Amino acid sequence: MMRRLPACLAMAALLASAVAAASETTADDLVAKMVRAVDQLNYEGIFVFSQENRMETMHILHGRDEQGSRERLTALTGEPREVIKDDHSITCIRADSGSVCMEPRKTLMGMPGMSPLRGGTEGLRDNYRVNAGASYRIAGLSCREVAILPRDELRYGHRLCIHEDSGMLLKAQLQGHDGGVLEQFMFTHIEFPESVEEERFQPTLEGEGFTVQRLEKRDRPEREVLEPAPHWHLRDLPRGFDVTAVRKRAMDANPHPVQHMVLSDGMATVSVFISRAERPEDLLVGVTRSGALHAAARPVGDYQITVLGEVPAATVRLIAESVVHEESP
């Protein structure tokens, strides 16, 4: 019996490896299906979004046809406000109190925290553990949990619950390194109509007491798109983060062009803004926080460095400290 024990242990190890591999494959398949579903499906539902001590209930209507994707997001609690978007414009309707119409990231795809996963789970496992978990019910539908948990304290964790039949994301949690929930959203009701009539995307908030702001998505004039300054570099970035885009643009709110660098670790996205300050007293330093969003400010000579992202404070601070200006690479 003692001689057979190593063989049994080897078999158990092989079975465990097979189960882990199957779990990872399932997680990849679910995430890939989810990325398509959130944008491609027709759906209508109510979801609850919570952040720290604040909770909001929202109605979402999403449709896609040969003309593209359309969405209407309406707040059911708090100040009346609504966002209507398509592939060409965003319309924001709110009460005249001056309140914020809607958090910008909710107007992009409806579902908080979705855009970083458009590329699926490829490349995530260097910095995250990705596994499929148990199934449970959300909004009357069965969904499968996918955990995307960080390997260090420089990034947040995510727990998603994905409807296996449709791929729709029914629940998502953003977690700190201690496992505490920083933000989450969850559907309480959802339907998948075959089609959505065009008139359903008309505003439901109209009349006196509301202001309407419409933003057209159009190509920027050539004068606003500038060649990035070659002397700005990022040295000793936190492990796993790479620069995915560099742009420089003229902006209405700033008399000087702003250089914008985008970093990602495959899940989290961080923006680095570099702009010349008008006066020395305009330069800022320090780290601020709003929910899961952290911002770090640091001066480099006459320039203001601002780092912004849904990552821990230590991460934006390290990235801000990595920005250097060198006359030659």
C-alpha atoms as a PDB file:
ATOM      1  CA  MET A   1       0.000   0.000   0.000  1.00  0.00           C
ATOM      2  CA  MET A   2       2.832   2.369   0.860  1.00  0.00           C
ATOM      3  CA  ARG A   3       4.403   1.782  -2.560  1.00  0.00           C
ATOM      4  CA  ARG A   4       1.233   2.858  -4.337  1.00  0.00           C
ATOM      5  CA  LEU A   5       0.958   6.176  -2.463  1.00  0.00           C
ATOM      6  CA  PRO A   6       3.251   8.225  -4.793  1.00  0.00           C
ATOM      7  CA  ALA A   7       1.253   7.002  -7.806  1.00  0.00           C
ATOM      8  CA  CYS A   8      -1.995   8.067  -6.112  1.00  0.00           C
ATOM      9  CA  LEU A   9      -0.529  11.459  -5.305  1.00  0.00           C
ATOM     10  CA  ALA A  10       0.630  11.893  -8.901  1.00  0.00           C
ATOM     11  CA  MET A  11      -2.842  10.990 -10.179  1.00  0.00           C
ATOM     12  CA  ALA A  12      -4.429  13.470  -7.770  1.00  0.00           C
ATOM     13  CA  ALA A  13      -2.037  16.182  -8.928  1.00  0.00           C
ATOM     14  CA  LEU A  14      -2.894  15.458 -12.565  1.00  0.00           C
ATOM     15  CA  LEU A  15      -6.613  15.627 -11.818  1.00  0.00           C
ATOM     16  CA  ALA A  16      -6.180  18.905  -9.935  1.00  0.00           C
ATOM     17  CA  SER A  17      -4.219  20.360 -12.856  1.00  0.00           C
ATOM     18  CA  ALA A  18      -6.908  19.244 -15.287  1.00  0.00           C
ATOM     19  CA  VAL A  19      -9.637  20.814 -13.173  1.00  0.00           C
ATOM     20  CA  ALA A  20      -7.678  24.079 -12.901  1.00  0.00           C
ATOM     21  CA  ALA A  21      -7.062  24.146 -16.663  1.00  0.00           C
ATOM     22  CA  ALA A  22     -10.738  23.484 -17.367  1.00  0.00           C
ATOM     23  CA  SER A  23     -11.676  26.277 -14.945  1.00  0.00           C
ATOM     24  CA  GLU A  24      -9.384  28.743 -16.695  1.00  0.00           C
ATOM     25  CA  THR A  25     -10.711  27.774 -20.134  1.00  0.00           C
ATOM     26  CA  THR A  26     -14.258  28.229 -18.921  1.00  0.00           C
ATOM     27  CA  ALA A  27     -13.390  31.632 -17.472  1.00  0.00           C
ATOM     28  CA  ASP A  28     -11.839  32.711 -20.780  1.00  0.00           C
ATOM     29  CA  ASP A  29     -14.896  31.567 -22.716  1.00  0.00           C
ATOM     30  CA  LEU A  30     -17.281  33.326 -20.341  1.00  0.00           C
ATOM     31  CA  VAL A  31     -15.375  36.619 -20.448  1.00  0.00           C
ATOM     32  CA  ALA A  32     -15.128  36.530 -24.248  1.00  0.00           C
ATOM     33  CA  LYS A  33     -18.875  35.883 -24.466  1.00  0.00           C
ATOM     34  CA  MET A  34     -19.588  38.686 -21.975  1.00  0.00           C
ATOM     35  CA  VAL A  35     -17.544  41.272 -23.908  1.00  0.00           C
ATOM     36  CA  ARG A  36     -19.634  40.575 -27.009  1.00  0.00           C
ATOM     37  CA  ALA A  37     -22.964  40.385 -25.199  1.00  0.00           C
ATOM     38  CA  VAL A  38     -22.880  43.734 -23.387  1.00  0.00           C
ATOM     39  CA  ASP A  39     -22.578  45.582 -26.697  1.00  0.00           C
ATOM     40  CA  GLN A  40     -24.335  43.219 -29.136  1.00  0.00           C
ATOM     41  CA  LEU A  41     -27.484  42.133 -27.274  1.00  0.00           C
ATOM     42  CA  ASN A  42     -30.822  43.855 -26.931  1.00  0.00           C
ATOM     43  CA  TYR A  43     -31.673  44.156 -23.247  1.00  0.00           C
ATOM     44  CA  GLU A  44     -33.732  46.194 -20.817  1.00  0.00           C
ATOM     45  CA  GLY A  45     -33.433  46.093 -17.068  1.00  0.00           C
ATOM     46  CA  ILE A  46     -32.967  47.736 -13.698  1.00  0.00           C
ATOM     47  CA  PHE A  47     -29.683  47.591 -11.820  1.00  0.00           C
ATOM     48  CA  VAL A  48     -28.390  48.898  -8.508  1.00  0.00           C
ATOM     49  CA  PHE A  49     -24.972  50.573  -8.315  1.00  0.00           C
ATOM     50  CA  SER A  50     -23.307  51.084  -4.934  1.00  0.00           C
ATOM     51  CA  GLN A  51     -20.122  52.905  -4.000  1.00  0.00           C
ATOM     52  CA  GLU A  52     -19.087  53.297  -0.365  1.00  0.00           C
ATOM     53  CA  ASN A  53     -22.212  54.678   1.393  1.00  0.00           C
ATOM     54  CA  ARG A  54     -23.982  55.758  -1.819  1.00  0.00           C
ATOM     55  CA  MET A  55     -26.465  53.656  -3.751  1.00  0.00           C
ATOM     56  CA  GLU A  56     -28.281  54.384  -6.997  1.00  0.00           C
ATOM     57  CA  THR A  57     -30.963  52.523  -8.925  1.00  0.00           C
ATOM     58  CA  MET A  58     -30.950  52.848 -12.711  1.00  0.00           C
ATOM     59  CA  HIS A  59     -32.970  51.728 -15.700  1.00  0.00           C
ATOM     60  CA  ILE A  60     -31.056  50.726 -18.825  1.00  0.00           C
ATOM     61  CA  LEU A  61     -32.322  50.106 -22.350  1.00  0.00           C
ATOM     62  CA  HIS A  62     -29.833  48.864 -24.929  1.00  0.00           C
ATOM     63  CA  GLY A  63     -30.412  47.968 -28.556  1.00  0.00           C
ATOM     64  CA  ARG A  64     -28.347  47.081 -31.574  1.00  0.00           C
ATOM     65  CA  ASP A  65     -29.357  46.878 -35.237  1.00  0.00           C
ATOM     66  CA  GLU A  66     -27.852  47.580 -38.645  1.00  0.00           C
ATOM     67  CA  GLN A  67     -27.518  51.258 -37.671  1.00  0.00           C
ATOM     68  CA  GLY A  68     -25.319  50.463 -34.681  1.00  0.00           C
ATOM     69  CA  SER A  69     -25.620  50.454 -30.893  1.00  0.00           C
ATOM     70  CA  ARG A  70     -27.995  52.679 -28.893  1.00  0.00           C
ATOM     71  CA  GLU A  71     -28.553  53.061 -25.184  1.00  0.00           C
ATOM     72  CA  ARG A  72     -30.716  54.996 -22.735  1.00  0.00           C
ATOM     73  CA  LEU A  73     -29.709  55.169 -19.068  1.00  0.00           C
ATOM     74  CA  THR A  74     -32.161  56.735 -16.595  1.00  0.00           C
ATOM     75  CA  ALA A  75     -31.608  57.349 -12.882  1.00  0.00           C
ATOM     76  CA  LEU A  76     -34.548  56.115 -10.764  1.00  0.00           C
ATOM     77  CA  THR A  77     -33.201  57.575  -7.502  1.00  0.00           C
ATOM     78  CA  GLY A  78     -31.727  60.945  -6.589  1.00  0.00           C
ATOM     79  CA  GLU A  79     -31.831  63.891  -8.985  1.00  0.00           C
ATOM     80  CA  PRO A  80     -33.737  63.119 -12.218  1.00  0.00           C
ATOM     81  CA  ARG A  81     -31.190  62.600 -14.992  1.00  0.00           C
ATOM     82  CA  GLU A  82     -30.815  60.638 -18.177  1.00  0.00           C
ATOM     83  CA  VAL A  83     -28.161  59.796 -20.765  1.00  0.00           C
ATOM     84  CA  ILE A  84     -28.980  58.726 -24.317  1.00  0.00           C
ATOM     85  CA  LYS A  85     -26.153  57.604 -26.574  1.00  0.00           C
ATOM     86  CA  ASP A  86     -25.533  56.092 -29.962  1.00  0.00           C
ATOM     87  CA  ASP A  87     -22.452  55.614 -32.103  1.00  0.00           C
ATOM     88  CA  HIS A  88     -22.403  59.314 -33.022  1.00  0.00           C
ATOM     89  CA  SER A  89     -23.608  61.348 -30.033  1.00  0.00           C
ATOM     90  CA  ILE A  90     -24.309  61.514 -26.307  1.00  0.00           C
ATOM     91  CA  THR A  91     -27.292  63.469 -24.947  1.00  0.00           C
ATOM     92  CA  CYS A  92     -27.355  64.350 -21.247  1.00  0.00           C
ATOM     93  CA  ILE A  93     -30.569  65.533 -19.576  1.00  0.00           C
ATOM     94  CA  ARG A  94     -30.664  66.702 -15.979  1.00  0.00           C
ATOM     95  CA  ALA A  95     -32.520  68.923 -13.541  1.00  0.00           C
ATOM     96  CA  ASP A  96     -31.430  72.577 -13.440  1.00  0.00           C
ATOM     97  CA  SER A  97     -29.909  72.134  -9.994  1.00  0.00           C
ATOM     98  CA  GLY A  98     -26.499  71.721 -11.604  1.00  0.00           C
ATOM     99  CA  SER A  99     -26.037  68.160 -10.381  1.00  0.00           C
ATOM    100  CA  VAL A 100     -23.812  65.797 -12.328  1.00  0.00           C
ATOM    101  CA  CYS A 101     -25.948  64.105 -14.954  1.00  0.00           C
ATOM    102  CA  MET A 102     -24.299  60.710 -14.794  1.00  0.00           C
ATOM    103  CA  GLU A 103     -20.918  59.253 -14.011  1.00  0.00           C
ATOM    104  CA  PRO A 104     -19.052  59.381 -17.347  1.00  0.00           C
ATOM    105  CA  ARG A 105     -17.943  55.755 -17.309  1.00  0.00           C
ATOM    106  CA  LYS A 106     -21.550  54.630 -17.047  1.00  0.00           C
ATOM    107  CA  THR A 107     -22.378  56.375 -20.316  1.00  0.00           C
ATOM    108  CA  LEU A 108     -19.800  54.397 -22.280  1.00  0.00           C
ATOM    109  CA  MET A 109     -21.238  50.891 -22.109  1.00  0.00           C
ATOM    110  CA  GLY A 110     -23.810  51.055 -19.361  1.00  0.00           C
ATOM    111  CA  MET A 111     -22.034  48.502 -17.237  1.00  0.00           C
ATOM    112  CA  PRO A 112     -19.407  49.888 -14.828  1.00  0.00           C
ATOM    113  CA  GLY A 113     -15.842  48.744 -15.321  1.00  0.00           C
ATOM    114  CA  MET A 114     -16.386  46.883 -18.603  1.00  0.00           C
ATOM    115  CA  SER A 115     -14.146  48.642 -21.110  1.00  0.00           C
ATOM    116  CA  PRO A 116     -10.770  47.302 -19.853  1.00  0.00           C
ATOM    117  CA  LEU A 117     -11.882  43.753 -20.673  1.00  0.00           C
ATOM    118  CA  ARG A 118     -12.637  44.370 -24.348  1.00  0.00           C
ATOM    119  CA  GLY A 119      -9.490  42.382 -25.133  1.00  0.00           C
ATOM    120  CA  GLY A 120     -10.614  39.374 -23.067  1.00  0.00           C
ATOM    121  CA  THR A 121      -8.352  37.694 -20.522  1.00  0.00           C
ATOM    122  CA  GLU A 122      -5.268  37.412 -22.753  1.00  0.00           C
ATOM    123  CA  GLY A 123      -2.179  38.500 -20.830  1.00  0.00           C
ATOM    124  CA  LEU A 124      -4.020  38.877 -17.529  1.00  0.00           C
ATOM    125  CA  ARG A 125      -2.523  35.919 -15.718  1.00  0.00           C
ATOM    126  CA  ASP A 126       0.873  37.524 -15.175  1.00  0.00           C
ATOM    127  CA  ASN A 127      -0.816  39.942 -12.780  1.00  0.00           C
ATOM    128  CA  TYR A 128      -4.126  38.257 -11.904  1.00  0.00           C
ATOM    129  CA  ARG A 129      -5.503  34.843 -11.044  1.00  0.00           C
ATOM    130  CA  VAL A 130      -8.466  34.130 -13.348  1.00  0.00           C
ATOM    131  CA  ASN A 131     -10.862  31.342 -12.437  1.00  0.00           C
ATOM    132  CA  ALA A 132     -14.472  30.351 -12.943  1.00  0.00           C
ATOM    133  CA  GLY A 133     -16.397  29.679  -9.734  1.00  0.00           C
ATOM    134  CA  ALA A 134     -19.812  28.602  -8.574  1.00  0.00           C
ATOM    135  CA  SER A 135     -23.153  29.351 -10.211  1.00  0.00           C
ATOM    136  CA  TYR A 136     -25.940  31.263  -8.470  1.00  0.00           C
ATOM    137  CA  ARG A 137     -29.018  33.327  -9.325  1.00  0.00           C
ATOM    138  CA  ILE A 138     -29.208  37.054 -10.093  1.00  0.00           C
ATOM    139  CA  ALA A 139     -32.426  38.721 -11.266  1.00  0.00           C
ATOM    140  CA  GLY A 140     -34.017  35.284 -11.605  1.00  0.00           C
ATOM    141  CA  LEU A 141     -31.292  33.997 -13.953  1.00  0.00           C
ATOM    142  CA  SER A 142     -28.471  31.546 -13.346  1.00  0.00           C
ATOM    143  CA  CYS A 143     -25.002  33.056 -13.700  1.00  0.00           C
ATOM    144  CA  ARG A 144     -21.444  31.758 -13.277  1.00  0.00           C
ATOM    145  CA  GLU A 145     -18.887  33.626 -11.208  1.00  0.00           C
ATOM    146  CA  VAL A 146     -15.541  34.613 -12.724  1.00  0.00           C
ATOM    147  CA  ALA A 147     -12.912  35.852 -10.258  1.00  0.00           C
ATOM    148  CA  ILE A 148     -10.097  38.065 -11.545  1.00  0.00           C
ATOM    149  CA  LEU A 149      -7.958  38.544  -8.444  1.00  0.00           C
ATOM    150  CA  PRO A 150      -4.632  40.441  -8.274  1.00  0.00           C
ATOM    151  CA  ARG A 151      -1.327  38.794  -7.476  1.00  0.00           C
ATOM    152  CA  ASP A 152      -0.132  41.894  -5.572  1.00  0.00           C
ATOM    153  CA  GLU A 153      -1.495  44.995  -3.855  1.00  0.00           C
ATOM    154  CA  LEU A 154      -0.983  47.340  -6.812  1.00  0.00           C
ATOM    155  CA  ARG A 155      -4.324  46.573  -8.462  1.00  0.00           C
ATOM    156  CA  TYR A 156      -7.919  45.808  -7.557  1.00  0.00           C
ATOM    157  CA  GLY A 157      -9.765  42.519  -7.865  1.00  0.00           C
ATOM    158  CA  HIS A 158     -12.969  41.836  -9.792  1.00  0.00           C
ATOM    159  CA  ARG A 159     -15.730  39.302  -9.253  1.00  0.00           C
ATOM    160  CA  LEU A 160     -18.144  38.979 -12.166  1.00  0.00           C
ATOM    161  CA  CYS A 161     -21.290  36.905 -12.496  1.00  0.00           C
ATOM    162  CA  ILE A 162     -22.060  36.090 -16.142  1.00  0.00           C
ATOM    163  CA  HIS A 163     -25.278  34.624 -17.531  1.00  0.00           C
ATOM    164  CA  GLU A 164     -23.967  31.522 -19.292  1.00  0.00           C
ATOM    165  CA  ASP A 165     -26.707  31.343 -21.955  1.00  0.00           C
ATOM    166  CA  SER A 166     -26.488  34.947 -23.168  1.00  0.00           C
ATOM    167  CA  GLY A 167     -23.106  36.070 -21.818  1.00  0.00           C
ATOM    168  CA  MET A 168     -24.722  39.075 -20.138  1.00  0.00           C
ATOM    169  CA  LEU A 169     -22.962  40.512 -17.089  1.00  0.00           C
ATOM    170  CA  LEU A 170     -25.483  40.411 -14.242  1.00  0.00           C
ATOM    171  CA  LYS A 171     -23.295  41.414 -11.310  1.00  0.00           C
ATOM    172  CA  ALA A 172     -19.815  42.880 -10.821  1.00  0.00           C
ATOM    173  CA  GLN A 173     -17.763  43.735  -7.749  1.00  0.00           C
ATOM    174  CA  LEU A 174     -14.592  45.790  -7.522  1.00  0.00           C
ATOM    175  CA  GLN A 175     -12.552  44.631  -4.523  1.00  0.00           C
ATOM    176  CA  GLY A 176      -9.640  46.031  -2.543  1.00  0.00           C
ATOM    177  CA  HIS A 177      -6.623  43.889  -1.647  1.00  0.00           C
ATOM    178  CA  ASP A 178      -8.297  43.025   1.679  1.00  0.00           C
ATOM    179  CA  GLY A 179     -11.334  41.622  -0.127  1.00  0.00           C
ATOM    180  CA  GLY A 180     -13.584  44.543   0.812  1.00  0.00           C
ATOM    181  CA  VAL A 181     -16.069  45.664  -1.852  1.00  0.00           C
ATOM    182  CA  LEU A 182     -15.281  49.160  -3.172  1.00  0.00           C
ATOM    183  CA  GLU A 183     -17.980  49.304  -5.844  1.00  0.00           C
ATOM    184  CA  GLN A 184     -20.579  46.925  -7.194  1.00  0.00           C
ATOM    185  CA  PHE A 185     -23.544  46.761  -9.491  1.00  0.00           C
ATOM    186  CA  MET A 186     -26.249  44.122  -9.801  1.00  0.00           C
ATOM    187  CA  PHE A 187     -29.308  43.677 -11.978  1.00  0.00           C
ATOM    188  CA  THR A 188     -32.564  43.208 -10.129  1.00  0.00           C
ATOM    189  CA  HIS A 189     -34.538  42.675 -13.344  1.00  0.00           C
ATOM    190  CA  ILE A 190     -33.523  42.112 -16.969  1.00  0.00           C
ATOM    191  CA  GLU A 191     -35.206  41.079 -20.229  1.00  0.00           C
ATOM    192  CA  PHE A 192     -33.844  40.351 -23.716  1.00  0.00           C
ATOM    193  CA  PRO A 193     -36.333  41.569 -26.367  1.00  0.00           C
ATOM    194  CA  GLU A 194     -35.851  40.482 -29.971  1.00  0.00           C
ATOM    195  CA  SER A 195     -35.887  44.122 -31.090  1.00  0.00           C
ATOM    196  CA  VAL A 196     -36.227  47.596 -29.573  1.00  0.00           C
ATOM    197  CA  GLU A 197     -38.314  50.252 -31.330  1.00  0.00           C
ATOM    198  CA  GLU A 198     -36.440  53.426 -32.224  1.00  0.00           C
ATOM    199  CA  GLU A 199     -38.909  55.626 -30.335  1.00  0.00           C
ATOM    200  CA  ARG A 200     -37.928  53.889 -27.094  1.00  0.00           C
ATOM    201  CA  PHE A 201     -34.631  55.793 -27.225  1.00  0.00           C
ATOM    202  CA  GLN A 202     -36.307  59.184 -27.081  1.00  0.00           C
ATOM    203  CA  PRO A 203     -35.908  61.216 -23.845  1.00  0.00           C
ATOM    204  CA  THR A 204     -38.325  60.465 -21.019  1.00  0.00           C
ATOM    205  CA  LEU A 205     -37.338  63.631 -19.101  1.00  0.00           C
ATOM    206  CA  GLU A 206     -38.649  66.693 -20.910  1.00  0.00           C
ATOM    207  CA  GLY A 207     -40.137  70.100 -20.275  1.00  0.00           C
ATOM    208  CA  GLU A 208     -39.451  72.995 -17.944  1.00  0.00           C
ATOM    209  CA  GLY A 209     -36.862  72.384 -15.241  1.00  0.00           C
ATOM    210  CA  PHE A 210     -34.509  70.257 -17.334  1.00  0.00           C
ATOM    211  CA  THR A 211     -31.401  71.160 -19.300  1.00  0.00           C
ATOM    212  CA  VAL A 212     -30.267  69.201 -22.335  1.00  0.00           C
ATOM    213  CA  GLN A 213     -26.645  68.915 -23.454  1.00  0.00           C
ATOM    214  CA  ARG A 214     -25.825  67.096 -26.675  1.00  0.00           C
ATOM    215  CA  LEU A 215     -22.260  66.140 -27.572  1.00  0.00           C
ATOM    216  CA  GLU A 216     -21.541  65.069 -31.137  1.00  0.00           C
ATOM    217  CA  LYS A 217     -18.760  62.591 -31.763  1.00  0.00           C
ATOM    218  CA  ARG A 218     -16.811  64.133 -34.614  1.00  0.00           C
ATOM    219  CA  ASP A 219     -13.253  64.069 -35.817  1.00  0.00           C
ATOM    220  CA  ARG A 220     -11.065  66.688 -34.193  1.00  0.00           C
ATOM    221  CA  PRO A 221      -9.532  69.339 -36.435  1.00  0.00           C
ATOM    222  CA  GLU A 222      -5.975  68.553 -37.467  1.00  0.00           C
ATOM    223  CA  ARG A 223      -4.643  71.514 -35.508  1.00  0.00           C
ATOM    224  CA  GLU A 224      -5.802  69.877 -32.257  1.00  0.00           C
ATOM    225  CA  VAL A 225      -3.851  66.662 -32.885  1.00  0.00           C
ATOM    226  CA  LEU A 226      -0.152  67.282 -32.255  1.00  0.00           C
ATOM    227  CA  GLU A 227       3.039  65.253 -32.332  1.00  0.00           C
ATOM    228  CA  PRO A 228       3.785  63.951 -28.785  1.00  0.00           C
ATOM    229  CA  ALA A 229       6.840  65.474 -27.114  1.00  0.00           C
ATOM    230  CA  PRO A 230       9.590  62.819 -27.352  1.00  0.00           C
ATOM    231  CA  HIS A 231      11.398  63.785 -24.132  1.00  0.00           C
ATOM    232  CA  TRP A 232       8.772  62.488 -21.695  1.00  0.00           C
ATOM    233  CA  HIS A 233       9.411  58.947 -20.525  1.00  0.00           C
ATOM    234  CA  LEU A 234       8.126  56.519 -17.896  1.00  0.00           C
ATOM    235  CA  ARG A 235      10.886  54.777 -15.943  1.00  0.00           C
ATOM    236  CA  ASP A 236      10.496  51.912 -13.449  1.00  0.00           C
ATOM    237  CA  LEU A 237       6.755  51.450 -13.886  1.00  0.00           C
ATOM    238  CA  PRO A 238       4.903  49.155 -11.460  1.00  0.00           C
ATOM    239  CA  ARG A 239       5.165  45.548 -12.612  1.00  0.00           C
ATOM    240  CA  GLY A 240       2.679  44.576 -15.310  1.00  0.00           C
ATOM    241  CA  PHE A 241       1.839  48.076 -16.545  1.00  0.00           C
ATOM    242  CA  ASP A 242       2.746  49.057 -20.107  1.00  0.00           C
ATOM    243  CA  VAL A 243       2.094  52.161 -22.206  1.00  0.00           C
ATOM    244  CA  THR A 244      -0.641  51.405 -24.762  1.00  0.00           C
ATOM    245  CA  ALA A 245      -1.140  54.876 -26.294  1.00  0.00           C
ATOM    246  CA  VAL A 246       0.460  58.336 -26.371  1.00  0.00           C
ATOM    247  CA  ARG A 247      -1.385  61.419 -27.639  1.00  0.00           C
ATOM    248  CA  LYS A 248      -0.978  65.169 -27.516  1.00  0.00           C
ATOM    249  CA  ARG A 249      -3.892  67.536 -28.075  1.00  0.00           C
ATOM    250  CA  ALA A 250      -4.885  71.140 -27.796  1.00  0.00           C
ATOM    251  CA  MET A 251      -7.666  71.470 -25.219  1.00  0.00           C
ATOM    252  CA  ASP A 252     -10.207  74.220 -24.616  1.00  0.00           C
ATOM    253  CA  ALA A 253      -9.703  74.116 -20.851  1.00  0.00           C
ATOM    254  CA  ASN A 254      -5.917  74.552 -21.047  1.00  0.00           C
ATOM    255  CA  PRO A 255      -3.917  77.208 -22.945  1.00  0.00           C
ATOM    256  CA  HIS A 256      -1.108  74.655 -23.452  1.00  0.00           C
ATOM    257  CA  PRO A 257      -1.346  71.298 -25.250  1.00  0.00           C
ATOM    258  CA  VAL A 258      -1.733  68.275 -22.992  1.00  0.00           C
ATOM    259  CA  GLN A 259       0.201  65.042 -23.495  1.00  0.00           C
ATOM    260  CA  HIS A 260      -1.817  61.974 -22.559  1.00  0.00           C
ATOM    261  CA  MET A 261      -0.294  58.546 -21.946  1.00  0.00           C
ATOM    262  CA  VAL A 262      -2.510  55.499 -21.412  1.00  0.00           C
ATOM    263  CA  LEU A 263      -1.221  52.551 -19.374  1.00  0.00           C
ATOM    264  CA  SER A 264      -2.795  49.146 -18.828  1.00  0.00           C
ATOM    265  CA  ASP A 265      -2.046  45.828 -17.176  1.00  0.00           C
ATOM    266  CA  GLY A 266      -4.738  44.099 -19.222  1.00  0.00           C
ATOM    267  CA  MET A 267      -7.488  44.896 -16.708  1.00  0.00           C
ATOM    268  CA  ALA A 268      -6.826  48.245 -15.049  1.00  0.00           C
ATOM    269  CA  THR A 269      -6.346  51.398 -17.147  1.00  0.00           C
ATOM    270  CA  VAL A 270      -4.420  54.444 -15.907  1.00  0.00           C
ATOM    271  CA  SER A 271      -4.080  57.854 -17.589  1.00  0.00           C
ATOM    272  CA  VAL A 272      -1.045  60.121 -17.289  1.00  0.00           C
ATOM    273  CA  PHE A 273      -1.569  63.795 -18.202  1.00  0.00           C
ATOM    274  CA  ILE A 274       1.378  66.171 -18.722  1.00  0.00           C
ATOM    275  CA  SER A 275       0.707  69.893 -19.104  1.00  0.00           C
ATOM    276  CA  ARG A 276       2.660  73.112 -18.617  1.00  0.00           C
ATOM    277  CA  ALA A 277       1.477  75.246 -15.693  1.00  0.00           C
ATOM    278  CA  GLU A 278       0.767  78.942 -16.169  1.00  0.00           C
ATOM    279  CA  ARG A 279       2.219  79.906 -12.768  1.00  0.00           C
ATOM    280  CA  PRO A 280       4.329  78.094 -10.157  1.00  0.00           C
ATOM    281  CA  GLU A 281       1.493  78.420  -7.640  1.00  0.00           C
ATOM    282  CA  ASP A 282      -0.739  76.388  -9.985  1.00  0.00           C
ATOM    283  CA  LEU A 283       1.399  73.284  -9.508  1.00  0.00           C
ATOM    284  CA  LEU A 284      -0.129  70.618  -7.263  1.00  0.00           C
ATOM    285  CA  VAL A 285       1.277  67.687  -5.331  1.00  0.00           C
ATOM    286  CA  GLY A 286      -0.414  64.833  -3.462  1.00  0.00           C
ATOM    287  CA  VAL A 287      -2.913  61.985  -3.833  1.00  0.00           C
ATOM    288  CA  THR A 288      -6.705  62.326  -3.769  1.00  0.00           C
ATOM    289  CA  ARG A 289      -9.450  59.715  -3.821  1.00  0.00           C
ATOM    290  CA  SER A 290     -13.059  59.456  -4.987  1.00  0.00           C
ATOM    291  CA  GLY A 291     -14.469  56.001  -4.383  1.00  0.00           C
ATOM    292  CA  ALA A 292     -12.144  53.530  -6.106  1.00  0.00           C
ATOM    293  CA  LEU A 293     -10.635  56.275  -8.261  1.00  0.00           C
ATOM    294  CA  HIS A 294      -7.271  57.707  -7.193  1.00  0.00           C
ATOM    295  CA  ALA A 295      -5.413  60.703  -8.603  1.00  0.00           C
ATOM    296  CA  ALA A 296      -1.780  61.632  -7.972  1.00  0.00           C
ATOM    297  CA  ALA A 297      -0.315  65.067  -8.775  1.00  0.00           C
ATOM    298  CA  ARG A 298       3.381  65.889  -8.987  1.00  0.00           C
ATOM    299  CA  PRO A 299       5.309  68.806 -10.531  1.00  0.00           C
ATOM    300  CA  VAL A 300       8.280  68.262 -12.825  1.00  0.00           C
ATOM    301  CA  GLY A 301       9.873  71.637 -13.493  1.00  0.00           C
ATOM    302  CA  ASP A 302       7.172  73.873 -14.960  1.00  0.00           C
ATOM    303  CA  TYR A 303       4.952  70.903 -15.804  1.00  0.00           C
ATOM    304  CA  GLN A 304       2.072  69.348 -13.911  1.00  0.00           C
ATOM    305  CA  ILE A 305       1.953  65.554 -13.906  1.00  0.00           C
ATOM    306  CA  THR A 306      -1.477  64.075 -13.109  1.00  0.00           C
ATOM    307  CA  VAL A 307      -2.093  60.323 -12.890  1.00  0.00           C
ATOM    308  CA  LEU A 308      -5.681  59.059 -12.763  1.00  0.00           C
ATOM    309  CA  GLY A 309      -7.072  55.533 -12.536  1.00  0.00           C
ATOM    310  CA  GLU A 310      -9.176  52.973 -10.685  1.00  0.00           C
ATOM    311  CA  VAL A 311      -6.166  51.492  -8.910  1.00  0.00           C
ATOM    312  CA  PRO A 312      -4.837  51.767  -5.335  1.00  0.00           C
ATOM    313  CA  ALA A 313      -3.180  54.973  -4.150  1.00  0.00           C
ATOM    314  CA  ALA A 314       0.275  53.360  -4.126  1.00  0.00           C
ATOM    315  CA  THR A 315      -0.044  52.565  -7.841  1.00  0.00           C
ATOM    316  CA  VAL A 316      -0.860  56.108  -9.032  1.00  0.00           C
ATOM    317  CA  ARG A 317       1.901  57.434  -6.765  1.00  0.00           C
ATOM    318  CA  LEU A 318       4.488  55.040  -8.235  1.00  0.00           C
ATOM    319  CA  ILE A 319       3.430  55.878 -11.788  1.00  0.00           C
ATOM    320  CA  ALA A 320       3.593  59.634 -11.074  1.00  0.00           C
ATOM    321  CA  GLU A 321       7.108  59.210  -9.680  1.00  0.00           C
ATOM    322  CA  SER A 322       8.156  57.271 -12.791  1.00  0.00           C
ATOM    323  CA  VAL A 323       7.549  60.245 -15.138  1.00  0.00           C
ATOM    324  CA  VAL A 324      10.832  61.858 -16.213  1.00  0.00           C
ATOM    325  CA  HIS A 325      11.872  64.493 -18.752  1.00  0.00           C
ATOM    326  CA  GLU A 326      15.050  63.654 -20.664  1.00  0.00           C
ATOM    327  CA  GLU A 327      16.515  65.614 -23.537  1.00  0.00           C
ATOM    328  CA  SER A 328      17.726  62.368 -25.098  1.00  0.00           C
ATOM    329  CA  PRO A 329      16.131  58.927 -24.656  1.00  0.00           C
END
